[in-house]
Amino acid sequence: MSTKLAPRNIFLIVLAVCLLVGALWYVMRFQARQTEISGLQSELDSVNARVLTLRTNAARLPALREEVANLTTEQQIFLSALPQTANYNAVLDEVRLNASAAGAEMSGFTVANGNVTGLPAGVRPISLNLNVSGQFGQLFRFLRSLETMSRFSTVTSVNLQLPQATSFNPTLESTMGLTVYTFDPTQAGTGTEGSGGTPEAPAAPSTAPAGGTQ
């Protein structure tokens, strides 16, 4: 014996089945597609950002090349202004003249390897230890002359030996450390910038500058 469903019940059953199918389609197809589309959109945004960065860098490339060329030219000008390693005794003469102009006396000096890293190829640091005597004002003027002598030297240390107080302005003994940057053309093409090696200091001049002895 069959039971006929009322049209209203049939409508409700069909409606429930349609809603169930729609819910399954939304969860399994539509929502998954939306997630995939969102992921692809994020990836596309990332790629577009990279493309924009690359285009910006490509547009800056000519300016960067020009800047590198200018820096290379400036470096060559700077290196050409450095005293030649073989003629570094001219720096000693300048130091002696500065001491004399300040009223101090340079009684001696020693030469050693300069311990400076990260220099361009061909640049050789030379460490000088100067023995100088004079009153405080004279030593101060001499120190200022060393600091402003030129751009190729730096004062690394200053030591004062205080004598027994016999006057208000006694003669002081001082040891001053000075690093002089020189240029050796023979190493300009073989060295590498940033090398950590310390080149051997050139031999001291056979005769000391006037006013000082080694």
Protein backbone atom coordinates (compact mmCIF):
# COMPACT_ATOMS: atom_id res chain seq x y z
CA MET A 1 0.00 0.00 0.00
CA SER A 2 1.65 3.20 -1.15
CA THR A 3 1.38 6.47 0.63
CA LYS A 4 1.29 9.60 -1.42
CA LEU A 5 3.09 12.61 -0.08
CA ALA A 6 1.32 15.84 -0.04
CA PRO A 7 2.61 18.45 -2.48
CA ARG A 8 3.66 20.59 0.46
CA ASN A 9 5.83 17.80 1.88
CA ILE A 10 7.37 17.11 -1.51
CA PHE A 11 8.23 20.79 -1.83
CA LEU A 12 9.85 20.83 1.59
CA ILE A 13 11.89 17.70 0.84
CA VAL A 14 13.08 19.08 -2.49
CA LEU A 15 13.90 22.40 -0.82
CA ALA A 16 15.92 20.64 1.90
CA VAL A 17 17.82 18.60 -0.70
CA CYS A 18 18.58 21.77 -2.68
CA LEU A 19 19.81 23.56 0.43
CA LEU A 20 22.01 20.60 1.33
CA VAL A 21 23.47 20.43 -2.17
CA GLY A 22 24.03 24.20 -2.12
CA ALA A 23 25.80 24.01 1.24
CA LEU A 24 28.03 21.18 0.05
CA TRP A 25 28.87 23.10 -3.14
CA TYR A 26 29.71 26.24 -1.14
CA VAL A 27 31.99 24.39 1.27
CA MET A 28 33.68 22.05 -1.19
CA ARG A 29 33.89 24.18 -4.32
CA PHE A 30 33.18 27.89 -3.86
CA GLN A 31 35.08 28.38 -0.59
CA ALA A 32 38.05 26.36 -1.86
CA ARG A 33 38.11 28.43 -5.03
CA GLN A 34 38.01 31.65 -3.03
CA THR A 35 40.95 30.48 -0.91
CA GLU A 36 42.91 29.57 -4.03
CA ILE A 37 42.10 32.91 -5.65
CA SER A 38 43.23 34.77 -2.51
CA GLY A 39 46.52 32.86 -2.50
CA LEU A 40 47.11 33.59 -6.18
CA GLN A 41 46.28 37.26 -5.63
CA SER A 42 48.82 37.48 -2.79
CA GLU A 43 51.44 35.81 -4.96
CA LEU A 44 50.64 38.20 -7.80
CA ASP A 45 51.01 41.20 -5.49
CA SER A 46 54.40 39.88 -4.34
CA VAL A 47 55.56 39.38 -7.93
CA ASN A 48 54.36 42.87 -8.88
CA ALA A 49 56.29 44.35 -5.95
CA ARG A 50 59.45 42.52 -7.05
CA VAL A 51 58.97 43.70 -10.63
CA LEU A 52 58.56 47.29 -9.41
CA THR A 53 61.74 46.99 -7.32
CA LEU A 54 63.68 45.56 -10.26
CA ARG A 55 62.44 48.32 -12.55
CA THR A 56 63.45 50.95 -9.99
CA ASN A 57 66.90 49.40 -9.64
CA ALA A 58 67.27 49.19 -13.40
CA ALA A 59 66.36 52.88 -13.69
CA ARG A 60 69.03 53.74 -11.08
CA LEU A 61 71.72 51.63 -12.75
CA PRO A 62 73.11 54.41 -15.03
CA ALA A 63 73.34 56.80 -12.07
CA LEU A 64 75.05 54.12 -9.96
CA ARG A 65 77.56 53.45 -12.73
CA GLU A 66 78.31 57.16 -12.95
CA GLU A 67 78.69 57.35 -9.17
CA VAL A 68 81.09 54.39 -9.18
CA ALA A 69 83.12 56.04 -11.94
CA ASN A 70 83.26 59.30 -9.94
CA LEU A 71 84.32 57.45 -6.79
CA THR A 72 87.03 55.64 -8.76
CA THR A 73 88.29 58.97 -10.08
CA GLU A 74 88.26 60.48 -6.58
CA GLN A 75 90.17 57.47 -5.27
CA GLN A 76 92.81 57.87 -7.95
CA ILE A 77 93.14 61.58 -7.11
CA PHE A 78 93.48 60.72 -3.42
CA LEU A 79 96.11 58.05 -4.10
CA SER A 80 98.08 60.41 -6.32
CA ALA A 81 98.15 62.92 -3.44
CA LEU A 82 99.75 60.41 -1.06
CA PRO A 83 103.52 60.59 -0.66
CA GLN A 84 105.44 57.87 -2.46
CA THR A 85 106.59 55.06 -0.19
CA ALA A 86 110.12 55.33 -1.51
CA ASN A 87 110.20 59.05 -0.63
CA TYR A 88 108.50 58.93 2.76
CA ASN A 89 111.52 60.65 4.32
CA ALA A 90 110.07 63.87 2.88
CA VAL A 91 107.33 63.45 5.48
CA LEU A 92 110.01 63.28 8.17
CA ASP A 93 111.44 66.55 6.90
CA GLU A 94 108.00 68.13 7.14
CA VAL A 95 107.59 66.79 10.69
CA ARG A 96 111.00 68.19 11.64
CA LEU A 97 110.09 71.60 10.22
CA ASN A 98 106.81 71.57 12.15
CA ALA A 99 108.69 70.77 15.36
CA SER A 100 111.15 73.57 14.73
CA ALA A 101 108.35 76.03 13.94
CA ALA A 102 106.60 75.09 17.20
CA GLY A 103 109.79 75.64 19.20
CA ALA A 104 110.12 71.94 20.10
CA GLU A 105 113.04 69.63 19.35
CA MET A 106 112.71 66.24 17.66
CA SER A 107 115.55 64.21 19.12
CA GLY A 108 114.85 60.90 17.38
CA PHE A 109 112.39 58.64 15.61
CA THR A 110 111.73 54.98 14.85
CA VAL A 111 109.98 53.40 11.88
CA ALA A 112 107.74 50.32 12.00
CA ASN A 113 105.02 48.61 10.00
CA GLY A 114 101.63 50.28 10.22
CA ASN A 115 98.86 48.00 11.49
CA VAL A 116 95.90 49.26 9.46
CA THR A 117 93.52 47.04 7.48
CA GLY A 118 90.92 47.71 4.80
CA LEU A 119 93.11 50.01 2.70
CA PRO A 120 93.02 50.29 -1.10
CA ALA A 121 95.63 48.41 -3.09
CA GLY A 122 99.00 50.12 -3.06
CA VAL A 123 98.42 52.14 0.12
CA ARG A 124 101.09 51.33 2.71
CA PRO A 125 100.80 52.63 6.29
CA ILE A 126 104.05 53.47 8.06
CA SER A 127 104.16 53.89 11.82
CA LEU A 128 106.49 56.57 13.18
CA ASN A 129 107.39 57.05 16.84
CA LEU A 130 108.77 60.53 17.44
CA ASN A 131 110.85 61.56 20.44
CA VAL A 132 110.18 65.23 21.05
CA SER A 133 111.13 67.57 23.87
CA GLY A 134 109.89 71.04 24.72
CA GLN A 135 107.66 73.01 27.00
CA PHE A 136 103.98 72.21 27.17
CA GLY A 137 102.91 75.00 24.84
CA GLN A 138 105.55 74.02 22.29
CA LEU A 139 104.53 70.36 22.37
CA PHE A 140 100.88 71.32 22.05
CA ARG A 141 101.59 73.47 18.99
CA PHE A 142 103.63 70.65 17.48
CA LEU A 143 100.82 68.16 18.13
CA ARG A 144 98.32 70.49 16.46
CA SER A 145 100.63 70.82 13.47
CA LEU A 146 100.74 67.01 13.17
CA GLU A 147 96.96 66.78 13.32
CA THR A 148 96.52 69.39 10.60
CA MET A 149 99.63 68.51 8.59
CA SER A 150 97.75 66.74 5.80
CA ARG A 151 95.09 64.16 5.16
CA PHE A 152 97.59 61.31 4.76
CA SER A 153 98.63 61.04 8.43
CA THR A 154 96.96 60.42 11.78
CA VAL A 155 98.22 60.82 15.35
CA THR A 156 97.83 57.50 17.15
CA SER A 157 99.35 58.15 20.58
CA VAL A 158 100.85 60.85 22.79
CA ASN A 159 102.90 60.08 25.91
CA LEU A 160 104.43 62.67 28.23
CA GLN A 161 107.22 62.11 30.74
CA LEU A 162 106.95 64.63 33.55
CA PRO A 163 110.31 65.70 35.01
CA GLN A 164 110.91 66.75 38.56
CA ALA A 165 109.10 70.01 39.13
CA THR A 166 111.76 72.71 39.14
CA SER A 167 109.73 75.45 37.46
CA PHE A 168 106.20 76.34 36.50
CA ASN A 169 106.91 75.55 32.82
CA PRO A 170 109.49 72.73 32.68
CA THR A 171 110.83 71.03 29.58
CA LEU A 172 108.86 67.84 28.90
CA GLU A 173 109.87 64.68 27.08
CA SER A 174 107.21 63.23 24.79
CA THR A 175 106.77 60.21 22.55
CA MET A 176 104.22 60.70 19.79
CA GLY A 177 102.90 57.97 17.51
CA LEU A 178 102.12 58.92 13.93
CA THR A 179 100.76 56.76 11.11
CA VAL A 180 101.70 57.99 7.64
CA TYR A 181 99.83 56.63 4.63
CA THR A 182 102.03 56.28 1.57
CA PHE A 183 101.45 54.92 -1.92
CA ASP A 184 103.49 52.19 -3.56
CA PRO A 185 102.73 52.03 -7.32
CA THR A 186 104.39 48.62 -7.58
CA GLN A 187 101.69 47.12 -5.35
CA ALA A 188 98.72 49.02 -6.77
CA GLY A 189 98.00 46.37 -9.39
CA THR A 190 98.75 43.31 -7.28
CA GLY A 191 97.14 44.10 -3.93
CA THR A 192 93.45 43.76 -3.18
CA GLU A 193 91.30 46.28 -1.42
CA GLY A 194 90.50 45.32 2.12
CA SER A 195 93.54 43.07 2.43
CA GLY A 196 94.43 42.38 6.02
CA GLY A 197 98.14 41.95 5.36
CA THR A 198 100.60 44.48 6.72
CA PRO A 199 103.28 45.49 4.23
CA GLU A 200 106.87 45.69 5.29
CA ALA A 201 107.97 49.18 6.25
CA PRO A 202 110.52 50.77 3.94
CA ALA A 203 114.05 51.08 5.12
CA ALA A 204 114.82 54.15 7.16
CA PRO A 205 116.80 56.85 5.38
CA SER A 206 120.55 56.51 5.67
CA THR A 207 120.76 59.97 7.20
CA ALA A 208 118.24 61.34 9.64
CA PRO A 209 116.49 64.62 8.90
CA ALA A 210 118.25 67.65 10.22
CA GLY A 211 117.46 68.16 13.88
CA GLY A 212 116.81 64.48 14.67
CA THR A 213 118.57 61.13 14.86
CA GLN A 214 117.19 57.66 14.58
